[in-house]
Amino acid sequence: MVKADPRLDGRAVNRILFDEARIAARVAELGAEITRAYPEGELLVLGLLKGSFIFLSDLVRQITRPLQVDFIVASSYGDATTSSGTVRLVYDPETKLEGKHILLVEDIVDTGRTLNRLMALLAARNPRSLEICALLDKKLKNELKYPVKFTGFDCPNEFVVGYGLDHAENFRHIPYIVSLQ
């Protein structure tokens, strides 16, 4: 059991999976990997909101080459702790995607349903390349048709919050990632 953190509003957690220092070190490594992977061409880092916003913010500051940032919003969870299976596109990026390297940044990959829908939508816009960067990967990929090129951490099949990940819009501001009971 983790020591009480007032930001968790009394919620019990199983354990801290990834602390602040470990996350910061891995994000720096990912930034370097991405910089090397895209030596030329326009790079658009496309954050999948809302969960990726903290990760994306830290990540783009570690990428040492010119880039653009935009966002896309899709929803499949609502207030539940498991995906509904229905992906709803809430906000579509306004940035032109054709001919650019597109790096879709996701907070967590589990079933792959959301990513399948988004990757198909983005691929239809003729980018130069299209890849996925995920902070966490549960390695379930029951339905994912696209490889995750850049992964922060493998994640156990548990419900996790913090560092942008939420439960019913709560706990995104926790600076580390915990497993809820």
N, C-alpha and C. Protein backbone atom coordinates (compact mmCIF):
# COMPACT_ATOMS: atom_id res chain seq x y z
N MET A 1 0.84 -1.18 0.00
CA MET A 1 0.00 0.00 0.00
C MET A 1 0.88 1.24 0.00
N VAL A 2 0.50 2.23 -0.79
CA VAL A 2 1.25 3.46 -0.93
C VAL A 2 0.85 4.45 0.16
N LYS A 3 1.84 5.18 0.66
CA LYS A 3 1.56 6.24 1.64
C LYS A 3 0.53 7.20 1.07
N ALA A 4 -0.34 7.70 1.93
CA ALA A 4 -1.41 8.59 1.49
C ALA A 4 -0.86 9.84 0.81
N ASP A 5 -1.46 10.20 -0.30
CA ASP A 5 -1.11 11.41 -1.04
C ASP A 5 -2.41 12.21 -1.13
N PRO A 6 -2.44 13.44 -0.61
CA PRO A 6 -3.69 14.21 -0.62
C PRO A 6 -4.25 14.43 -2.02
N ARG A 7 -3.39 14.37 -3.04
CA ARG A 7 -3.88 14.55 -4.41
C ARG A 7 -4.73 13.37 -4.86
N LEU A 8 -4.61 12.24 -4.17
CA LEU A 8 -5.41 11.05 -4.52
C LEU A 8 -6.76 11.06 -3.83
N ASP A 9 -7.06 12.10 -3.05
CA ASP A 9 -8.36 12.29 -2.42
C ASP A 9 -8.79 11.06 -1.60
N GLY A 10 -7.84 10.50 -0.88
CA GLY A 10 -8.14 9.36 -0.02
C GLY A 10 -8.25 8.03 -0.74
N ARG A 11 -8.08 8.02 -2.03
CA ARG A 11 -8.18 6.79 -2.82
C ARG A 11 -7.00 5.88 -2.53
N ALA A 12 -7.26 4.63 -2.28
CA ALA A 12 -6.20 3.65 -2.02
C ALA A 12 -5.58 3.21 -3.34
N VAL A 13 -4.29 3.05 -3.33
CA VAL A 13 -3.59 2.58 -4.52
C VAL A 13 -2.81 1.32 -4.17
N ASN A 14 -2.67 0.43 -5.14
CA ASN A 14 -1.88 -0.78 -4.93
C ASN A 14 -0.41 -0.45 -4.77
N ARG A 15 0.10 0.35 -5.72
CA ARG A 15 1.53 0.66 -5.72
C ARG A 15 1.82 1.75 -6.73
N ILE A 16 2.97 2.36 -6.56
CA ILE A 16 3.46 3.29 -7.57
C ILE A 16 4.19 2.45 -8.61
N LEU A 17 3.73 2.53 -9.85
CA LEU A 17 4.36 1.77 -10.92
C LEU A 17 5.59 2.49 -11.47
N PHE A 18 5.45 3.80 -11.70
CA PHE A 18 6.53 4.59 -12.27
C PHE A 18 6.59 5.92 -11.54
N ASP A 19 7.71 6.18 -10.87
CA ASP A 19 7.83 7.42 -10.12
C ASP A 19 8.30 8.56 -11.03
N GLU A 20 8.33 9.77 -10.49
CA GLU A 20 8.65 10.96 -11.28
C GLU A 20 10.02 10.87 -11.94
N ALA A 21 11.03 10.43 -11.21
CA ALA A 21 12.39 10.37 -11.76
C ALA A 21 12.48 9.36 -12.90
N ARG A 22 11.85 8.22 -12.73
CA ARG A 22 11.89 7.19 -13.77
C ARG A 22 11.17 7.66 -15.03
N ILE A 23 10.04 8.34 -14.86
CA ILE A 23 9.30 8.87 -16.01
C ILE A 23 10.15 9.91 -16.73
N ALA A 24 10.73 10.84 -15.99
CA ALA A 24 11.54 11.90 -16.61
C ALA A 24 12.71 11.32 -17.39
N ALA A 25 13.37 10.31 -16.83
CA ALA A 25 14.51 9.70 -17.51
C ALA A 25 14.07 9.01 -18.80
N ARG A 26 12.95 8.30 -18.75
CA ARG A 26 12.49 7.59 -19.94
C ARG A 26 12.00 8.56 -21.00
N VAL A 27 11.34 9.64 -20.62
CA VAL A 27 10.88 10.64 -21.59
C VAL A 27 12.08 11.28 -22.29
N ALA A 28 13.15 11.54 -21.55
CA ALA A 28 14.36 12.08 -22.17
C ALA A 28 14.93 11.10 -23.19
N GLU A 29 14.95 9.81 -22.86
CA GLU A 29 15.43 8.79 -23.80
C GLU A 29 14.55 8.74 -25.05
N LEU A 30 13.24 8.79 -24.84
CA LEU A 30 12.32 8.78 -26.00
C LEU A 30 12.55 10.00 -26.89
N GLY A 31 12.75 11.16 -26.29
CA GLY A 31 13.02 12.37 -27.07
C GLY A 31 14.24 12.21 -27.95
N ALA A 32 15.28 11.61 -27.41
CA ALA A 32 16.50 11.37 -28.18
C ALA A 32 16.25 10.35 -29.30
N GLU A 33 15.50 9.28 -29.01
CA GLU A 33 15.17 8.28 -30.02
C GLU A 33 14.37 8.90 -31.17
N ILE A 34 13.41 9.72 -30.83
CA ILE A 34 12.57 10.36 -31.85
C ILE A 34 13.39 11.34 -32.67
N THR A 35 14.24 12.10 -32.03
CA THR A 35 15.11 13.03 -32.76
C THR A 35 15.94 12.28 -33.80
N ARG A 36 16.53 11.16 -33.42
CA ARG A 36 17.34 10.36 -34.35
C ARG A 36 16.48 9.74 -35.46
N ALA A 37 15.25 9.38 -35.15
CA ALA A 37 14.38 8.70 -36.12
C ALA A 37 13.87 9.64 -37.22
N TYR A 38 13.87 10.95 -36.96
CA TYR A 38 13.35 11.93 -37.91
C TYR A 38 14.41 13.00 -38.20
N PRO A 39 15.44 12.65 -38.97
CA PRO A 39 16.50 13.63 -39.22
C PRO A 39 16.10 14.73 -40.20
N GLU A 40 15.05 14.52 -40.98
CA GLU A 40 14.66 15.51 -41.99
C GLU A 40 13.15 15.48 -42.18
N GLY A 41 12.64 16.49 -42.83
CA GLY A 41 11.21 16.59 -43.13
C GLY A 41 10.45 17.23 -41.99
N GLU A 42 9.22 17.60 -42.29
CA GLU A 42 8.35 18.22 -41.29
C GLU A 42 7.83 17.15 -40.34
N LEU A 43 7.94 17.40 -39.05
CA LEU A 43 7.45 16.49 -38.03
C LEU A 43 6.29 17.15 -37.30
N LEU A 44 5.15 16.45 -37.30
CA LEU A 44 3.99 16.89 -36.53
C LEU A 44 3.77 15.88 -35.40
N VAL A 45 3.88 16.36 -34.18
CA VAL A 45 3.60 15.53 -33.01
C VAL A 45 2.14 15.77 -32.66
N LEU A 46 1.36 14.73 -32.80
CA LEU A 46 -0.10 14.82 -32.66
C LEU A 46 -0.52 14.13 -31.38
N GLY A 47 -0.91 14.91 -30.39
CA GLY A 47 -1.28 14.36 -29.08
C GLY A 47 -2.72 13.94 -29.03
N LEU A 48 -2.94 12.74 -28.52
CA LEU A 48 -4.29 12.22 -28.32
C LEU A 48 -4.76 12.68 -26.94
N LEU A 49 -5.67 13.63 -26.94
CA LEU A 49 -6.16 14.20 -25.69
C LEU A 49 -7.29 13.36 -25.10
N LYS A 50 -7.41 13.41 -23.84
CA LYS A 50 -6.77 14.30 -22.90
C LYS A 50 -5.56 13.64 -22.25
N GLY A 51 -5.52 12.33 -22.25
CA GLY A 51 -4.52 11.60 -21.48
C GLY A 51 -3.07 11.87 -21.81
N SER A 52 -2.77 12.25 -23.04
CA SER A 52 -1.37 12.40 -23.43
C SER A 52 -0.79 13.78 -23.14
N PHE A 53 -1.57 14.73 -22.65
CA PHE A 53 -1.10 16.12 -22.63
C PHE A 53 0.13 16.35 -21.77
N ILE A 54 0.25 15.71 -20.63
CA ILE A 54 1.43 15.92 -19.79
C ILE A 54 2.63 15.24 -20.42
N PHE A 55 2.46 14.00 -20.85
CA PHE A 55 3.52 13.26 -21.53
C PHE A 55 3.98 14.01 -22.77
N LEU A 56 3.04 14.46 -23.60
CA LEU A 56 3.38 15.18 -24.82
C LEU A 56 4.16 16.45 -24.50
N SER A 57 3.74 17.18 -23.51
CA SER A 57 4.42 18.41 -23.12
C SER A 57 5.87 18.15 -22.75
N ASP A 58 6.10 17.14 -21.93
CA ASP A 58 7.47 16.80 -21.54
C ASP A 58 8.25 16.24 -22.72
N LEU A 59 7.60 15.43 -23.54
CA LEU A 59 8.27 14.78 -24.67
C LEU A 59 8.77 15.77 -25.71
N VAL A 60 7.93 16.71 -26.14
CA VAL A 60 8.34 17.63 -27.20
C VAL A 60 9.50 18.51 -26.76
N ARG A 61 9.64 18.76 -25.47
CA ARG A 61 10.77 19.55 -24.98
C ARG A 61 12.07 18.75 -25.00
N GLN A 62 11.96 17.43 -25.20
CA GLN A 62 13.15 16.58 -25.28
C GLN A 62 13.52 16.24 -26.73
N ILE A 63 12.70 16.63 -27.68
CA ILE A 63 12.98 16.39 -29.10
C ILE A 63 13.74 17.60 -29.62
N THR A 64 14.98 17.37 -30.04
CA THR A 64 15.85 18.49 -30.41
C THR A 64 15.93 18.67 -31.92
N ARG A 65 14.78 18.94 -32.52
CA ARG A 65 14.67 19.25 -33.94
C ARG A 65 13.37 20.03 -34.13
N PRO A 66 13.23 20.75 -35.23
CA PRO A 66 11.98 21.49 -35.45
C PRO A 66 10.78 20.53 -35.50
N LEU A 67 9.66 20.98 -34.98
CA LEU A 67 8.44 20.19 -35.01
C LEU A 67 7.23 21.10 -34.84
N GLN A 68 6.08 20.55 -35.12
CA GLN A 68 4.81 21.21 -34.84
C GLN A 68 4.02 20.32 -33.90
N VAL A 69 3.07 20.90 -33.19
CA VAL A 69 2.22 20.16 -32.26
C VAL A 69 0.77 20.47 -32.57
N ASP A 70 -0.05 19.43 -32.59
CA ASP A 70 -1.50 19.59 -32.69
C ASP A 70 -2.12 18.47 -31.86
N PHE A 71 -3.43 18.45 -31.80
CA PHE A 71 -4.12 17.49 -30.95
C PHE A 71 -5.30 16.86 -31.68
N ILE A 72 -5.67 15.70 -31.19
CA ILE A 72 -6.86 15.00 -31.65
C ILE A 72 -7.55 14.48 -30.38
N VAL A 73 -8.87 14.47 -30.38
CA VAL A 73 -9.61 13.99 -29.22
C VAL A 73 -10.53 12.86 -29.64
N ALA A 74 -10.37 11.74 -28.98
CA ALA A 74 -11.25 10.59 -29.19
C ALA A 74 -11.60 10.05 -27.81
N SER A 75 -12.76 9.46 -27.69
CA SER A 75 -13.20 8.94 -26.41
C SER A 75 -13.75 7.53 -26.57
N SER A 76 -13.34 6.64 -25.63
CA SER A 76 -13.91 5.29 -25.62
C SER A 76 -14.15 4.80 -24.20
N TYR A 77 -13.81 5.61 -23.18
CA TYR A 77 -13.94 5.17 -21.79
C TYR A 77 -15.11 5.81 -21.05
N GLY A 78 -15.31 7.12 -21.24
CA GLY A 78 -16.32 7.80 -20.43
C GLY A 78 -15.91 7.75 -18.97
N ASP A 79 -16.81 7.33 -18.08
CA ASP A 79 -16.51 7.23 -16.65
C ASP A 79 -16.11 5.84 -16.23
N ALA A 80 -16.02 4.90 -17.17
CA ALA A 80 -15.72 3.50 -16.83
C ALA A 80 -14.22 3.28 -16.71
N THR A 81 -13.86 2.10 -16.19
CA THR A 81 -12.45 1.72 -16.09
C THR A 81 -12.06 0.77 -17.21
N THR A 82 -13.00 0.44 -18.09
CA THR A 82 -12.70 -0.36 -19.28
C THR A 82 -13.29 0.33 -20.49
N SER A 83 -12.70 0.10 -21.64
CA SER A 83 -13.15 0.74 -22.87
C SER A 83 -14.54 0.25 -23.24
N SER A 84 -15.35 1.16 -23.74
CA SER A 84 -16.71 0.80 -24.18
C SER A 84 -16.69 0.07 -25.51
N GLY A 85 -15.58 0.21 -26.23
CA GLY A 85 -15.49 -0.40 -27.56
C GLY A 85 -15.97 0.53 -28.65
N THR A 86 -16.64 1.60 -28.29
CA THR A 86 -17.11 2.59 -29.25
C THR A 86 -16.19 3.79 -29.20
N VAL A 87 -15.54 4.10 -30.30
CA VAL A 87 -14.63 5.23 -30.35
C VAL A 87 -15.36 6.42 -30.96
N ARG A 88 -15.34 7.52 -30.24
CA ARG A 88 -16.02 8.73 -30.68
C ARG A 88 -14.98 9.81 -30.90
N LEU A 89 -14.91 10.36 -32.14
CA LEU A 89 -13.98 11.44 -32.45
C LEU A 89 -14.62 12.75 -32.03
N VAL A 90 -13.96 13.45 -31.11
CA VAL A 90 -14.50 14.68 -30.56
C VAL A 90 -13.87 15.91 -31.21
N TYR A 91 -12.56 15.85 -31.52
CA TYR A 91 -11.86 16.97 -32.16
C TYR A 91 -10.88 16.41 -33.17
N ASP A 92 -10.93 16.92 -34.37
CA ASP A 92 -10.09 16.51 -35.48
C ASP A 92 -9.03 17.59 -35.70
N PRO A 93 -7.76 17.23 -35.90
CA PRO A 93 -6.73 18.27 -36.07
C PRO A 93 -6.99 19.14 -37.30
N GLU A 94 -6.70 20.42 -37.15
CA GLU A 94 -6.87 21.35 -38.26
C GLU A 94 -5.61 21.48 -39.10
N THR A 95 -4.49 21.01 -38.58
CA THR A 95 -3.21 21.08 -39.29
C THR A 95 -3.22 20.18 -40.51
N LYS A 96 -2.64 20.66 -41.60
CA LYS A 96 -2.50 19.86 -42.81
C LYS A 96 -1.53 18.71 -42.50
N LEU A 97 -1.91 17.48 -42.83
CA LEU A 97 -1.09 16.32 -42.51
C LEU A 97 -0.32 15.78 -43.72
N GLU A 98 -0.77 16.10 -44.90
CA GLU A 98 -0.17 15.55 -46.12
C GLU A 98 1.32 15.88 -46.21
N GLY A 99 2.12 14.84 -46.46
CA GLY A 99 3.55 15.00 -46.67
C GLY A 99 4.39 15.16 -45.41
N LYS A 100 3.76 15.17 -44.25
CA LYS A 100 4.49 15.34 -42.99
C LYS A 100 4.72 13.99 -42.32
N HIS A 101 5.77 13.93 -41.50
CA HIS A 101 5.93 12.82 -40.59
C HIS A 101 4.95 13.07 -39.45
N ILE A 102 4.07 12.13 -39.19
CA ILE A 102 3.09 12.26 -38.11
C ILE A 102 3.46 11.28 -37.01
N LEU A 103 3.63 11.79 -35.80
CA LEU A 103 3.87 10.95 -34.64
C LEU A 103 2.68 11.11 -33.71
N LEU A 104 1.85 10.09 -33.65
CA LEU A 104 0.65 10.10 -32.79
C LEU A 104 1.07 9.69 -31.38
N VAL A 105 0.87 10.59 -30.43
CA VAL A 105 1.28 10.35 -29.05
C VAL A 105 0.07 9.97 -28.22
N GLU A 106 0.16 8.80 -27.61
CA GLU A 106 -0.93 8.19 -26.83
C GLU A 106 -0.45 7.98 -25.40
N ASP A 107 -1.37 8.07 -24.45
CA ASP A 107 -0.99 7.82 -23.06
C ASP A 107 -0.82 6.32 -22.79
N ILE A 108 -1.80 5.50 -23.22
CA ILE A 108 -1.75 4.08 -22.91
C ILE A 108 -2.39 3.27 -24.03
N VAL A 109 -1.76 2.17 -24.38
CA VAL A 109 -2.30 1.26 -25.39
C VAL A 109 -2.80 0.02 -24.68
N ASP A 110 -4.07 -0.30 -24.90
CA ASP A 110 -4.59 -1.56 -24.35
C ASP A 110 -5.20 -2.38 -25.47
N THR A 111 -6.47 -2.22 -25.80
CA THR A 111 -7.08 -3.07 -26.83
C THR A 111 -6.68 -2.69 -28.24
N GLY A 112 -6.38 -1.41 -28.47
CA GLY A 112 -6.02 -0.95 -29.80
C GLY A 112 -7.17 -0.40 -30.62
N ARG A 113 -8.39 -0.45 -30.11
CA ARG A 113 -9.55 0.03 -30.87
C ARG A 113 -9.44 1.50 -31.24
N THR A 114 -9.10 2.33 -30.26
CA THR A 114 -9.00 3.76 -30.52
C THR A 114 -7.91 4.04 -31.54
N LEU A 115 -6.75 3.42 -31.35
CA LEU A 115 -5.64 3.65 -32.28
C LEU A 115 -5.96 3.17 -33.68
N ASN A 116 -6.64 2.05 -33.82
CA ASN A 116 -7.01 1.56 -35.16
C ASN A 116 -7.84 2.60 -35.90
N ARG A 117 -8.83 3.15 -35.23
CA ARG A 117 -9.69 4.15 -35.86
C ARG A 117 -8.89 5.40 -36.23
N LEU A 118 -8.07 5.87 -35.32
CA LEU A 118 -7.32 7.09 -35.57
C LEU A 118 -6.25 6.91 -36.64
N MET A 119 -5.54 5.79 -36.61
CA MET A 119 -4.49 5.56 -37.60
C MET A 119 -5.09 5.47 -39.00
N ALA A 120 -6.23 4.84 -39.14
CA ALA A 120 -6.88 4.75 -40.46
C ALA A 120 -7.30 6.14 -40.94
N LEU A 121 -7.84 6.92 -40.04
CA LEU A 121 -8.26 8.29 -40.38
C LEU A 121 -7.05 9.13 -40.79
N LEU A 122 -5.95 9.03 -40.06
CA LEU A 122 -4.76 9.82 -40.35
C LEU A 122 -4.05 9.33 -41.61
N ALA A 123 -3.99 8.04 -41.82
CA ALA A 123 -3.34 7.48 -43.01
C ALA A 123 -4.02 7.95 -44.29
N ALA A 124 -5.32 8.14 -44.23
CA ALA A 124 -6.08 8.60 -45.40
C ALA A 124 -5.71 10.01 -45.81
N ARG A 125 -4.99 10.73 -44.96
CA ARG A 125 -4.60 12.11 -45.26
C ARG A 125 -3.19 12.22 -45.85
N ASN A 126 -2.65 11.08 -46.27
CA ASN A 126 -1.38 11.00 -47.01
C ASN A 126 -0.17 11.62 -46.31
N PRO A 127 0.09 11.23 -45.06
CA PRO A 127 1.32 11.73 -44.43
C PRO A 127 2.54 11.05 -45.05
N ARG A 128 3.69 11.66 -44.87
CA ARG A 128 4.95 11.05 -45.33
C ARG A 128 5.22 9.76 -44.56
N SER A 129 4.97 9.80 -43.25
CA SER A 129 5.05 8.61 -42.40
C SER A 129 4.06 8.79 -41.26
N LEU A 130 3.70 7.68 -40.63
CA LEU A 130 2.73 7.71 -39.54
C LEU A 130 3.13 6.66 -38.52
N GLU A 131 3.47 7.10 -37.32
CA GLU A 131 3.94 6.20 -36.27
C GLU A 131 3.23 6.52 -34.97
N ILE A 132 3.33 5.57 -34.03
CA ILE A 132 2.72 5.71 -32.70
C ILE A 132 3.81 5.76 -31.64
N CYS A 133 3.64 6.69 -30.71
CA CYS A 133 4.47 6.77 -29.51
C CYS A 133 3.52 6.67 -28.32
N ALA A 134 3.72 5.68 -27.46
CA ALA A 134 2.85 5.49 -26.30
C ALA A 134 3.67 5.54 -25.01
N LEU A 135 3.17 6.25 -24.05
CA LEU A 135 3.82 6.26 -22.73
C LEU A 135 3.78 4.86 -22.12
N LEU A 136 2.61 4.25 -22.15
CA LEU A 136 2.42 2.92 -21.56
C LEU A 136 1.85 1.96 -22.59
N ASP A 137 2.28 0.72 -22.53
CA ASP A 137 1.76 -0.31 -23.42
C ASP A 137 1.45 -1.55 -22.58
N LYS A 138 0.18 -1.92 -22.55
CA LYS A 138 -0.23 -3.10 -21.79
C LYS A 138 0.10 -4.40 -22.51
N LYS A 139 0.54 -4.29 -23.74
CA LYS A 139 0.92 -5.45 -24.56
C LYS A 139 -0.25 -6.41 -24.79
N LEU A 140 -1.47 -5.89 -24.71
CA LEU A 140 -2.65 -6.72 -24.99
C LEU A 140 -2.89 -6.76 -26.49
N LYS A 141 -3.01 -5.58 -27.07
CA LYS A 141 -3.16 -5.41 -28.52
C LYS A 141 -4.06 -6.46 -29.15
N ASN A 142 -5.14 -6.74 -28.51
CA ASN A 142 -6.09 -7.72 -29.04
C ASN A 142 -6.53 -7.39 -30.46
N GLU A 143 -6.64 -6.11 -30.74
CA GLU A 143 -7.16 -5.69 -32.04
C GLU A 143 -6.26 -4.71 -32.78
N LEU A 144 -5.13 -4.30 -32.19
CA LEU A 144 -4.29 -3.29 -32.80
C LEU A 144 -3.64 -3.79 -34.08
N LYS A 145 -3.84 -3.04 -35.15
CA LYS A 145 -3.32 -3.41 -36.47
C LYS A 145 -2.01 -2.69 -36.80
N TYR A 146 -1.55 -1.79 -35.94
CA TYR A 146 -0.39 -0.96 -36.20
C TYR A 146 0.65 -1.14 -35.09
N PRO A 147 1.93 -1.19 -35.44
CA PRO A 147 2.94 -1.34 -34.39
C PRO A 147 3.13 -0.03 -33.62
N VAL A 148 3.50 -0.16 -32.36
CA VAL A 148 3.88 0.99 -31.55
C VAL A 148 5.39 1.14 -31.72
N LYS A 149 5.82 2.23 -32.35
CA LYS A 149 7.24 2.41 -32.65
C LYS A 149 8.05 2.85 -31.42
N PHE A 150 7.48 3.73 -30.62
CA PHE A 150 8.17 4.25 -29.45
C PHE A 150 7.32 3.98 -28.21
N THR A 151 7.89 3.29 -27.22
CA THR A 151 7.16 2.94 -26.01
C THR A 151 7.93 3.40 -24.79
N GLY A 152 7.21 4.07 -23.89
CA GLY A 152 7.83 4.48 -22.63
C GLY A 152 8.06 3.30 -21.72
N PHE A 153 6.99 2.62 -21.35
CA PHE A 153 7.06 1.51 -20.42
C PHE A 153 6.03 0.44 -20.78
N ASP A 154 6.38 -0.82 -20.53
CA ASP A 154 5.38 -1.87 -20.55
C ASP A 154 4.59 -1.73 -19.26
N CYS A 155 3.28 -1.92 -19.35
CA CYS A 155 2.39 -1.68 -18.21
C CYS A 155 1.63 -2.96 -17.89
N PRO A 156 1.53 -3.31 -16.62
CA PRO A 156 0.72 -4.48 -16.26
C PRO A 156 -0.74 -4.21 -16.60
N ASN A 157 -1.50 -5.28 -16.73
CA ASN A 157 -2.92 -5.15 -17.06
C ASN A 157 -3.71 -4.76 -15.81
N GLU A 158 -3.50 -3.53 -15.39
CA GLU A 158 -4.15 -2.96 -14.21
C GLU A 158 -4.67 -1.58 -14.61
N PHE A 159 -5.60 -1.05 -13.82
CA PHE A 159 -6.11 0.29 -14.10
C PHE A 159 -5.18 1.28 -13.42
N VAL A 160 -4.58 2.16 -14.25
CA VAL A 160 -3.57 3.09 -13.75
C VAL A 160 -4.00 4.54 -13.96
N VAL A 161 -3.54 5.40 -13.07
CA VAL A 161 -3.82 6.84 -13.17
C VAL A 161 -2.55 7.61 -12.84
N GLY A 162 -2.58 8.89 -13.18
CA GLY A 162 -1.48 9.80 -12.90
C GLY A 162 -0.74 10.15 -14.17
N TYR A 163 0.01 11.24 -14.13
CA TYR A 163 0.81 11.72 -15.26
C TYR A 163 -0.05 11.82 -16.53
N GLY A 164 -1.26 12.33 -16.37
CA GLY A 164 -2.17 12.54 -17.49
C GLY A 164 -3.28 11.51 -17.58
N LEU A 165 -3.06 10.32 -17.06
CA LEU A 165 -4.08 9.27 -17.10
C LEU A 165 -5.10 9.52 -15.99
N ASP A 166 -6.36 9.25 -16.27
CA ASP A 166 -7.40 9.61 -15.32
C ASP A 166 -8.36 8.47 -15.04
N HIS A 167 -9.20 8.71 -14.05
CA HIS A 167 -10.42 7.94 -13.83
C HIS A 167 -11.52 8.97 -13.66
N ALA A 168 -12.45 9.01 -14.62
CA ALA A 168 -13.56 9.97 -14.60
C ALA A 168 -13.06 11.41 -14.42
N GLU A 169 -11.98 11.76 -15.15
CA GLU A 169 -11.37 13.09 -15.17
C GLU A 169 -10.60 13.44 -13.90
N ASN A 170 -10.41 12.51 -12.99
CA ASN A 170 -9.65 12.75 -11.77
C ASN A 170 -8.26 12.13 -11.88
N PHE A 171 -7.33 12.66 -11.12
CA PHE A 171 -5.98 12.12 -10.91
C PHE A 171 -4.99 12.40 -12.04
N ARG A 172 -5.35 13.15 -13.05
CA ARG A 172 -4.40 13.45 -14.13
C ARG A 172 -3.17 14.20 -13.61
N HIS A 173 -3.34 15.00 -12.58
CA HIS A 173 -2.27 15.86 -12.07
C HIS A 173 -1.27 15.16 -11.17
N ILE A 174 -1.49 13.91 -10.87
CA ILE A 174 -0.54 13.16 -10.04
C ILE A 174 0.75 13.02 -10.85
N PRO A 175 1.93 13.38 -10.30
CA PRO A 175 3.16 13.41 -11.10
C PRO A 175 3.83 12.05 -11.30
N TYR A 176 3.19 10.99 -10.87
CA TYR A 176 3.70 9.64 -11.05
C TYR A 176 2.53 8.76 -11.46
N ILE A 177 2.79 7.50 -11.76
CA ILE A 177 1.72 6.60 -12.23
C ILE A 177 1.50 5.52 -11.19
N VAL A 178 0.23 5.38 -10.77
CA VAL A 178 -0.13 4.40 -9.75
C VAL A 178 -1.19 3.44 -10.27
N SER A 179 -1.22 2.29 -9.66
CA SER A 179 -2.25 1.29 -9.92
C SER A 179 -3.33 1.44 -8.86
N LEU A 180 -4.56 1.67 -9.29
CA LEU A 180 -5.66 1.80 -8.34
C LEU A 180 -6.16 0.42 -7.91
N GLN A 181 -6.66 0.35 -6.68
CA GLN A 181 -7.26 -0.90 -6.21
C GLN A 181 -8.63 -1.08 -6.80
